[in-house]
N, C-alpha and C. Protein backbone atom coordinates (compact mmCIF):
# COMPACT_ATOMS: atom_id res chain seq x y z
N MET A 1 6.29 -14.20 -39.20
CA MET A 1 5.30 -14.61 -38.23
C MET A 1 5.21 -16.14 -38.14
N GLN A 2 5.22 -16.80 -39.31
CA GLN A 2 5.13 -18.25 -39.33
C GLN A 2 6.38 -18.88 -38.70
N THR A 3 7.54 -18.29 -38.94
CA THR A 3 8.78 -18.79 -38.35
C THR A 3 8.73 -18.67 -36.83
N THR A 4 8.18 -17.59 -36.33
CA THR A 4 8.05 -17.39 -34.89
C THR A 4 7.15 -18.45 -34.27
N ALA A 5 6.04 -18.75 -34.93
CA ALA A 5 5.11 -19.77 -34.42
C ALA A 5 5.77 -21.15 -34.39
N VAL A 6 6.50 -21.48 -35.43
CA VAL A 6 7.19 -22.78 -35.48
C VAL A 6 8.26 -22.85 -34.39
N LEU A 7 9.00 -21.78 -34.21
CA LEU A 7 10.02 -21.73 -33.17
C LEU A 7 9.39 -21.88 -31.78
N PHE A 8 8.27 -21.21 -31.56
CA PHE A 8 7.56 -21.31 -30.28
C PHE A 8 7.12 -22.75 -30.02
N LEU A 9 6.54 -23.41 -31.01
CA LEU A 9 6.11 -24.80 -30.85
C LEU A 9 7.30 -25.72 -30.58
N LEU A 10 8.40 -25.48 -31.24
CA LEU A 10 9.60 -26.28 -31.01
C LEU A 10 10.10 -26.13 -29.57
N VAL A 11 10.13 -24.90 -29.08
CA VAL A 11 10.56 -24.65 -27.70
C VAL A 11 9.62 -25.34 -26.71
N VAL A 12 8.32 -25.24 -26.94
CA VAL A 12 7.34 -25.88 -26.05
C VAL A 12 7.55 -27.39 -26.05
N CYS A 13 7.78 -27.99 -27.19
CA CYS A 13 7.99 -29.44 -27.27
C CYS A 13 9.27 -29.85 -26.54
N VAL A 14 10.33 -29.10 -26.71
CA VAL A 14 11.60 -29.43 -26.05
C VAL A 14 11.47 -29.30 -24.54
N VAL A 15 10.83 -28.23 -24.07
CA VAL A 15 10.65 -28.03 -22.63
C VAL A 15 9.79 -29.13 -22.05
N SER A 16 8.70 -29.50 -22.71
CA SER A 16 7.83 -30.54 -22.16
C SER A 16 8.52 -31.90 -22.17
N GLN A 17 9.38 -32.17 -23.16
CA GLN A 17 10.11 -33.43 -23.19
C GLN A 17 11.14 -33.50 -22.08
N GLY A 18 11.76 -32.36 -21.76
CA GLY A 18 12.82 -32.35 -20.77
C GLY A 18 12.34 -32.26 -19.34
N SER A 19 11.05 -32.08 -19.12
CA SER A 19 10.57 -31.85 -17.76
C SER A 19 9.89 -33.07 -17.15
N ALA A 20 10.16 -34.25 -17.67
CA ALA A 20 9.55 -35.45 -17.10
C ALA A 20 10.10 -35.71 -15.70
N LEU A 21 9.22 -36.06 -14.81
CA LEU A 21 9.58 -36.32 -13.43
C LEU A 21 10.04 -37.76 -13.26
N LYS A 22 11.01 -37.96 -12.39
CA LYS A 22 11.49 -39.31 -12.07
C LYS A 22 11.12 -39.62 -10.63
N CYS A 23 10.61 -40.82 -10.41
CA CYS A 23 10.14 -41.22 -9.09
C CYS A 23 10.70 -42.59 -8.72
N TRP A 24 10.74 -42.84 -7.43
CA TRP A 24 11.10 -44.17 -6.94
C TRP A 24 9.89 -45.06 -7.09
N VAL A 25 10.08 -46.27 -7.57
CA VAL A 25 8.99 -47.23 -7.75
C VAL A 25 9.38 -48.53 -7.05
N CYS A 26 8.66 -48.86 -5.98
CA CYS A 26 8.94 -50.09 -5.24
C CYS A 26 7.79 -50.37 -4.27
N ARG A 27 7.81 -51.57 -3.71
CA ARG A 27 6.82 -52.00 -2.71
C ARG A 27 7.56 -52.71 -1.59
N SER A 28 7.25 -52.36 -0.36
CA SER A 28 7.97 -52.97 0.76
C SER A 28 7.60 -54.43 0.98
N ASP A 29 6.44 -54.87 0.47
CA ASP A 29 6.09 -56.28 0.63
C ASP A 29 6.94 -57.19 -0.27
N SER A 30 7.56 -56.62 -1.31
CA SER A 30 8.47 -57.42 -2.15
C SER A 30 9.92 -56.95 -2.04
N ASP A 31 10.15 -55.75 -1.50
CA ASP A 31 11.50 -55.23 -1.30
C ASP A 31 11.54 -54.46 0.01
N PRO A 32 12.07 -55.05 1.08
CA PRO A 32 12.09 -54.40 2.39
C PRO A 32 12.82 -53.05 2.39
N LYS A 33 13.70 -52.80 1.42
CA LYS A 33 14.41 -51.52 1.37
C LYS A 33 13.50 -50.37 0.95
N CYS A 34 12.28 -50.68 0.53
CA CYS A 34 11.31 -49.65 0.14
C CYS A 34 10.68 -48.99 1.37
N ALA A 35 10.76 -49.64 2.53
CA ALA A 35 10.17 -49.11 3.76
C ALA A 35 10.97 -47.90 4.24
N ASP A 36 10.41 -47.18 5.21
CA ASP A 36 11.15 -46.09 5.86
C ASP A 36 11.99 -46.65 6.98
N PRO A 37 13.21 -46.19 7.19
CA PRO A 37 13.91 -45.21 6.35
C PRO A 37 14.27 -45.83 4.99
N PHE A 38 14.00 -45.08 3.94
CA PHE A 38 14.13 -45.56 2.58
C PHE A 38 15.59 -45.71 2.18
N ASP A 39 15.93 -46.87 1.63
CA ASP A 39 17.27 -47.15 1.13
C ASP A 39 17.19 -47.25 -0.38
N ASN A 40 17.52 -46.17 -1.07
CA ASN A 40 17.40 -46.17 -2.53
C ASN A 40 18.65 -46.67 -3.24
N SER A 41 19.59 -47.24 -2.50
CA SER A 41 20.84 -47.69 -3.12
C SER A 41 20.64 -48.86 -4.08
N THR A 42 19.58 -49.61 -3.92
CA THR A 42 19.35 -50.75 -4.82
C THR A 42 18.08 -50.59 -5.66
N VAL A 43 17.39 -49.47 -5.50
CA VAL A 43 16.15 -49.24 -6.26
C VAL A 43 16.45 -48.22 -7.35
N PRO A 44 16.30 -48.58 -8.62
CA PRO A 44 16.54 -47.60 -9.68
C PRO A 44 15.40 -46.58 -9.74
N ILE A 45 15.74 -45.34 -10.05
CA ILE A 45 14.70 -44.32 -10.19
C ILE A 45 14.05 -44.49 -11.56
N THR A 46 12.75 -44.23 -11.64
CA THR A 46 11.98 -44.48 -12.86
C THR A 46 11.55 -43.17 -13.49
N ASP A 47 11.75 -43.05 -14.80
CA ASP A 47 11.27 -41.89 -15.56
C ASP A 47 9.77 -42.09 -15.79
N CYS A 48 8.95 -41.23 -15.21
CA CYS A 48 7.50 -41.42 -15.26
C CYS A 48 6.93 -41.33 -16.67
N LYS A 49 7.62 -40.63 -17.57
CA LYS A 49 7.09 -40.57 -18.94
C LYS A 49 7.21 -41.92 -19.64
N GLN A 50 8.01 -42.84 -19.09
CA GLN A 50 8.15 -44.18 -19.64
C GLN A 50 7.12 -45.16 -19.09
N GLU A 51 6.35 -44.74 -18.09
CA GLU A 51 5.35 -45.62 -17.50
C GLU A 51 4.24 -45.93 -18.51
N ALA A 52 3.70 -47.11 -18.42
CA ALA A 52 2.64 -47.54 -19.34
C ALA A 52 1.34 -46.78 -19.08
N ASP A 53 0.54 -46.64 -20.14
CA ASP A 53 -0.80 -46.09 -19.98
C ASP A 53 -1.64 -47.05 -19.15
N LEU A 54 -2.54 -46.50 -18.37
CA LEU A 54 -3.44 -47.33 -17.59
C LEU A 54 -4.75 -47.49 -18.35
N PRO A 55 -5.25 -48.71 -18.51
CA PRO A 55 -6.46 -48.92 -19.31
C PRO A 55 -7.68 -48.18 -18.77
N HIS A 56 -7.74 -47.99 -17.45
CA HIS A 56 -8.91 -47.32 -16.87
C HIS A 56 -8.75 -45.79 -16.84
N LEU A 57 -7.60 -45.27 -17.28
CA LEU A 57 -7.37 -43.82 -17.36
C LEU A 57 -6.78 -43.47 -18.73
N PRO A 58 -7.53 -43.68 -19.81
CA PRO A 58 -6.98 -43.43 -21.14
C PRO A 58 -6.58 -41.97 -21.32
N GLY A 59 -5.36 -41.77 -21.83
CA GLY A 59 -4.87 -40.42 -22.10
C GLY A 59 -4.30 -39.69 -20.90
N VAL A 60 -4.39 -40.26 -19.71
CA VAL A 60 -3.87 -39.62 -18.50
C VAL A 60 -2.44 -40.11 -18.28
N ARG A 61 -1.52 -39.17 -18.10
CA ARG A 61 -0.11 -39.49 -17.90
C ARG A 61 0.29 -39.14 -16.47
N PRO A 62 1.28 -39.83 -15.91
CA PRO A 62 1.72 -39.49 -14.55
C PRO A 62 2.45 -38.15 -14.53
N THR A 63 2.11 -37.32 -13.56
CA THR A 63 2.72 -35.99 -13.44
C THR A 63 3.32 -35.76 -12.06
N MET A 64 3.22 -36.74 -11.19
CA MET A 64 3.69 -36.59 -9.81
C MET A 64 4.29 -37.90 -9.33
N CYS A 65 4.94 -37.82 -8.18
CA CYS A 65 5.40 -39.03 -7.49
C CYS A 65 4.45 -39.29 -6.32
N ARG A 66 4.37 -40.53 -5.91
CA ARG A 66 3.45 -40.91 -4.84
C ARG A 66 4.17 -41.82 -3.86
N LYS A 67 3.81 -41.65 -2.60
CA LYS A 67 4.25 -42.57 -1.55
C LYS A 67 3.01 -42.89 -0.72
N ILE A 68 2.75 -44.17 -0.57
CA ILE A 68 1.63 -44.61 0.26
C ILE A 68 2.22 -45.42 1.41
N ARG A 69 1.79 -45.06 2.59
CA ARG A 69 2.19 -45.80 3.80
C ARG A 69 0.89 -46.31 4.41
N GLN A 70 0.78 -47.62 4.56
CA GLN A 70 -0.45 -48.17 5.12
C GLN A 70 -0.15 -49.20 6.20
N LYS A 71 -1.02 -49.20 7.17
CA LYS A 71 -0.91 -50.17 8.27
C LYS A 71 -2.16 -51.03 8.22
N VAL A 72 -1.96 -52.32 8.00
CA VAL A 72 -3.06 -53.27 7.93
C VAL A 72 -2.79 -54.36 8.95
N HIS A 73 -3.70 -54.48 9.91
CA HIS A 73 -3.57 -55.47 10.98
C HIS A 73 -2.20 -55.40 11.67
N GLY A 74 -1.75 -54.18 11.94
CA GLY A 74 -0.50 -53.98 12.67
C GLY A 74 0.77 -54.02 11.83
N GLN A 75 0.67 -54.31 10.56
CA GLN A 75 1.84 -54.41 9.67
C GLN A 75 1.92 -53.17 8.78
N TRP A 76 3.08 -52.51 8.76
CA TRP A 76 3.28 -51.35 7.88
C TRP A 76 3.72 -51.81 6.50
N ARG A 77 3.16 -51.18 5.47
CA ARG A 77 3.53 -51.43 4.07
C ARG A 77 3.79 -50.08 3.41
N TYR A 78 4.74 -50.06 2.49
CA TYR A 78 5.09 -48.83 1.79
C TYR A 78 5.04 -49.09 0.28
N PHE A 79 4.49 -48.13 -0.43
CA PHE A 79 4.39 -48.20 -1.89
C PHE A 79 4.87 -46.86 -2.44
N ARG A 80 5.81 -46.89 -3.37
CA ARG A 80 6.31 -45.68 -4.02
C ARG A 80 6.12 -45.87 -5.52
N SER A 81 5.64 -44.81 -6.20
CA SER A 81 5.38 -44.95 -7.63
C SER A 81 5.16 -43.58 -8.27
N CYS A 82 5.00 -43.60 -9.60
CA CYS A 82 4.55 -42.42 -10.33
C CYS A 82 3.05 -42.30 -10.10
N ALA A 83 2.55 -41.07 -10.00
CA ALA A 83 1.13 -40.85 -9.72
C ALA A 83 0.44 -40.24 -10.93
N TYR A 84 -0.69 -40.82 -11.28
CA TYR A 84 -1.47 -40.35 -12.42
C TYR A 84 -2.53 -39.33 -12.01
N LEU A 85 -3.04 -39.44 -10.80
CA LEU A 85 -4.10 -38.54 -10.32
C LEU A 85 -3.74 -38.04 -8.93
N GLY A 86 -4.37 -36.97 -8.52
CA GLY A 86 -4.17 -36.43 -7.18
C GLY A 86 -3.70 -34.99 -7.25
N VAL A 87 -3.45 -34.44 -6.08
CA VAL A 87 -2.99 -33.07 -5.96
C VAL A 87 -1.69 -33.11 -5.15
N PRO A 88 -0.62 -32.48 -5.65
CA PRO A 88 0.62 -32.51 -4.87
C PRO A 88 0.47 -31.74 -3.57
N GLY A 89 1.31 -32.08 -2.61
CA GLY A 89 1.32 -31.34 -1.35
C GLY A 89 1.66 -29.88 -1.59
N ILE A 90 1.57 -29.07 -0.56
CA ILE A 90 1.86 -27.65 -0.66
C ILE A 90 3.24 -27.44 -1.27
N LEU A 91 3.30 -26.61 -2.31
CA LEU A 91 4.54 -26.34 -3.05
C LEU A 91 5.17 -27.60 -3.62
N GLY A 92 4.37 -28.64 -3.86
CA GLY A 92 4.87 -29.88 -4.44
C GLY A 92 5.60 -30.75 -3.45
N ASP A 93 5.51 -30.43 -2.17
CA ASP A 93 6.27 -31.10 -1.11
C ASP A 93 5.56 -32.37 -0.65
N GLU A 94 6.34 -33.45 -0.51
CA GLU A 94 5.77 -34.75 -0.12
C GLU A 94 5.43 -34.84 1.36
N ARG A 95 5.80 -33.86 2.17
CA ARG A 95 5.52 -33.94 3.60
C ARG A 95 4.07 -33.60 3.95
N PHE A 96 3.30 -33.10 3.00
CA PHE A 96 1.90 -32.77 3.24
C PHE A 96 1.06 -33.90 2.65
N CYS A 97 0.45 -34.68 3.51
CA CYS A 97 -0.19 -35.93 3.08
C CYS A 97 -1.65 -35.97 3.48
N ILE A 98 -2.38 -36.85 2.82
CA ILE A 98 -3.77 -37.15 3.18
C ILE A 98 -3.74 -38.41 4.03
N MET A 99 -4.41 -38.36 5.17
CA MET A 99 -4.43 -39.52 6.07
C MET A 99 -5.86 -40.02 6.21
N ARG A 100 -6.00 -41.33 6.21
CA ARG A 100 -7.30 -41.97 6.35
C ARG A 100 -7.19 -43.12 7.34
N THR A 101 -8.22 -43.27 8.15
CA THR A 101 -8.29 -44.40 9.07
C THR A 101 -9.57 -45.14 8.76
N GLY A 102 -9.47 -46.46 8.68
CA GLY A 102 -10.64 -47.27 8.36
C GLY A 102 -10.96 -48.24 9.49
N THR A 103 -11.91 -49.07 9.22
CA THR A 103 -12.27 -50.09 10.19
C THR A 103 -11.26 -51.23 10.14
N TYR A 104 -11.33 -52.11 11.10
CA TYR A 104 -10.46 -53.29 11.15
C TYR A 104 -8.97 -52.94 11.21
N ASN A 105 -8.64 -51.88 11.98
CA ASN A 105 -7.25 -51.54 12.22
C ASN A 105 -6.48 -51.23 10.92
N ILE A 106 -7.08 -50.41 10.06
CA ILE A 106 -6.44 -50.02 8.80
C ILE A 106 -6.20 -48.51 8.83
N PHE A 107 -4.97 -48.11 8.50
CA PHE A 107 -4.57 -46.71 8.44
C PHE A 107 -3.83 -46.50 7.13
N MET A 108 -4.06 -45.34 6.47
CA MET A 108 -3.36 -45.06 5.22
C MET A 108 -2.95 -43.60 5.16
N GLU A 109 -1.74 -43.39 4.69
CA GLU A 109 -1.21 -42.05 4.46
C GLU A 109 -0.80 -41.98 2.99
N TYR A 110 -1.33 -41.01 2.27
CA TYR A 110 -1.15 -40.89 0.83
C TYR A 110 -0.47 -39.56 0.55
N CYS A 111 0.75 -39.59 0.03
CA CYS A 111 1.52 -38.37 -0.22
C CYS A 111 1.86 -38.28 -1.70
N THR A 112 1.63 -37.12 -2.30
CA THR A 112 2.02 -36.89 -3.69
C THR A 112 2.89 -35.64 -3.75
N CYS A 113 3.81 -35.64 -4.70
CA CYS A 113 4.74 -34.51 -4.82
C CYS A 113 5.19 -34.36 -6.27
N ASN A 114 5.65 -33.18 -6.59
CA ASN A 114 6.24 -32.93 -7.91
C ASN A 114 7.35 -31.89 -7.82
N SER A 115 7.92 -31.71 -6.64
CA SER A 115 8.90 -30.66 -6.41
C SER A 115 10.27 -30.96 -7.03
N LYS A 116 10.62 -32.24 -7.16
CA LYS A 116 11.93 -32.61 -7.70
C LYS A 116 11.93 -34.11 -8.01
N ASP A 117 12.89 -34.55 -8.79
CA ASP A 117 13.05 -35.98 -9.06
C ASP A 117 13.27 -36.72 -7.75
N GLY A 118 12.61 -37.85 -7.59
CA GLY A 118 12.78 -38.66 -6.39
C GLY A 118 12.17 -38.07 -5.14
N CYS A 119 11.20 -37.17 -5.30
CA CYS A 119 10.62 -36.51 -4.12
C CYS A 119 9.82 -37.47 -3.24
N ASN A 120 9.54 -38.69 -3.70
CA ASN A 120 8.79 -39.65 -2.88
C ASN A 120 9.71 -40.55 -2.06
N SER A 121 10.88 -40.03 -1.70
CA SER A 121 11.83 -40.84 -0.93
C SER A 121 11.76 -40.57 0.56
N GLY A 122 11.37 -39.38 0.95
CA GLY A 122 11.54 -38.93 2.33
C GLY A 122 10.60 -39.54 3.35
N LEU A 123 10.99 -39.34 4.60
CA LEU A 123 10.14 -39.71 5.73
C LEU A 123 9.00 -38.71 5.79
N THR A 124 7.82 -39.18 6.10
CA THR A 124 6.68 -38.27 6.22
C THR A 124 6.26 -38.15 7.65
């Protein structure tokens, strides 16, 4: 019985270690290739389990990829990263996004996904 429990814990640890999601991490204000259509030829994919802890979210680890598309004063900006909070789109798909419109000509589209490595690359 004890051997079975140890084996079960070992399998759980191996599976959880091997299932880390990889996401694209970039900002179009510092790298124009981060914008849509996305050119990932020069952007390395990031293993989210290697991302640093956030001081304001102790113990929370990234479990999804995120893509933010925002328009501020007529200028589009794109942000791609590992996501610590949120709910993935339907079936983990990045095409299902939350959209917000604010005052002063501000628009934001927030997409999270966990369906596959690099799922925050696509056009939304």
